[in-house]
Structures are given as structure tokens and as C-alpha cells.
Protein backbone atom coordinates (compact mmCIF):
# COMPACT_ATOMS: atom_id res chain seq x y z
CA MET A 1 -73.11 -16.49 82.50
CA HIS A 2 -71.95 -18.91 82.71
CA TRP A 3 -73.69 -23.00 80.94
CA SER A 4 -75.03 -26.02 82.46
CA VAL A 5 -74.56 -29.50 80.20
CA GLN A 6 -77.74 -32.07 81.36
CA ARG A 7 -77.57 -35.38 79.86
CA VAL A 8 -80.89 -36.60 77.78
CA THR A 9 -80.51 -39.61 76.68
CA ASN A 10 -77.01 -41.58 76.93
CA ASN A 11 -75.56 -40.05 73.98
CA LEU A 12 -77.15 -36.58 73.83
CA PHE A 13 -76.28 -33.75 75.70
CA SER A 14 -78.09 -30.70 76.33
CA VAL A 15 -76.52 -27.10 76.44
CA SER A 16 -78.43 -24.19 78.25
CA ALA A 17 -76.62 -20.53 79.41
CA THR A 18 -77.74 -17.81 82.01
CA SER A 19 -75.91 -14.08 82.54
CA ASP A 20 -77.99 -14.30 86.00
CA GLY A 21 -78.87 -17.23 86.64
CA LEU A 22 -82.53 -16.47 86.18
CA ASP A 23 -83.16 -16.94 82.76
CA TYR A 24 -81.38 -19.64 80.65
CA THR A 25 -81.25 -19.47 76.84
CA HIS A 26 -81.21 -23.10 74.72
CA VAL A 27 -78.04 -23.50 73.60
CA GLY A 28 -78.46 -26.80 71.47
CA ASN A 29 -77.71 -30.44 72.00
CA TYR A 30 -74.87 -32.30 71.54
CA ARG A 31 -73.46 -35.89 71.59
CA THR A 32 -70.76 -35.99 74.03
CA VAL A 33 -70.52 -33.60 76.31
CA GLU A 34 -66.27 -32.43 75.48
CA ASP A 35 -69.26 -31.09 72.44
CA ALA A 36 -71.49 -29.84 75.20
CA ASN A 37 -68.79 -28.29 76.71
CA ARG A 38 -66.88 -26.49 74.18
CA ALA A 39 -70.91 -25.56 72.79
CA GLY A 40 -71.46 -24.01 75.75
CA ARG A 41 -67.71 -22.10 75.93
CA ARG A 42 -68.22 -20.49 73.14
CA PHE A 43 -71.71 -19.29 73.98
CA VAL A 44 -71.19 -17.58 75.84
CA SER A 45 -67.22 -16.14 74.85
CA ALA A 46 -69.18 -15.18 71.72
CA ARG A 47 -71.99 -13.34 74.86
CA ALA A 48 -69.34 -11.48 75.93
CA HIS A 49 -67.84 -10.06 73.61
CA GLU A 50 -71.56 -9.02 72.02
CA GLN A 51 -71.72 -7.20 75.60
CA GLY A 52 -67.66 -6.21 75.48
CA ARG A 53 -66.87 -8.02 78.59
CA SER A 54 -64.15 -10.58 78.37
CA PRO A 55 -65.27 -14.27 79.49
CA ARG A 56 -62.32 -14.68 81.49
CA ASP A 57 -64.07 -11.73 84.24
CA GLN A 58 -67.20 -13.99 85.71
CA PRO A 59 -67.25 -17.87 85.18
CA ALA A 60 -67.52 -19.71 82.98
CA PHE A 61 -69.98 -23.09 84.23
CA SER A 62 -70.93 -24.76 87.00
CA VAL A 63 -68.71 -27.63 87.89
CA ASN A 64 -70.86 -29.37 90.57
CA GLN A 65 -74.04 -29.11 88.04
CA GLN A 66 -71.84 -30.89 85.59
CA ARG A 67 -69.97 -33.65 87.92
CA HIS A 68 -73.69 -34.48 89.36
CA LEU A 69 -74.99 -34.46 86.20
CA ALA A 70 -72.12 -36.63 84.80
CA GLY A 71 -71.45 -39.21 86.92
CA GLY A 72 -67.80 -37.22 87.98
CA THR A 73 -66.33 -37.67 84.59
CA LEU A 74 -66.45 -34.29 83.17
CA HIS A 75 -62.87 -32.52 82.96
CA SER A 76 -62.90 -29.04 81.44
């Protein structure tokens, strides 16, 4: 399971998560990249817990996708 962050406007970021790479669930919209990443991390952790897996067993997010979307300034 992983999440992706997409810039919607200058001050709004959308978070989506997927477990299979095909079907995405909209997690929410956030005002900062940091908040968006925290929300994605919490969502993935909660879903992994529900499914009986540790979030450390699976990739958390796509670094390349996030760097592209935020101009290479994201840090996690």
C-alpha cells in the first residue's frame, strides 16, 4: 500500500492511497505538503493494521511521484 500527493493549487494538496496500484482511495485535501504526507502515512498505517500487516512491510509512498508533483522540495 502506498499514497501519492498531488498539487491541486498553490496551497492545496490532494492525497490518494492504493493497495494494488490500480484502485485509489481519496484520503483528503490538505494545505501543506507536510500535512498531506502525514495524512497519507496515517491512512496507510491504519489500513495495514486493519488488514493485519505492519506498514513497514510495504512501501509507504512513491518518492519519484512526490518529487515531480512538488518540484523536488518534499521531505519525508
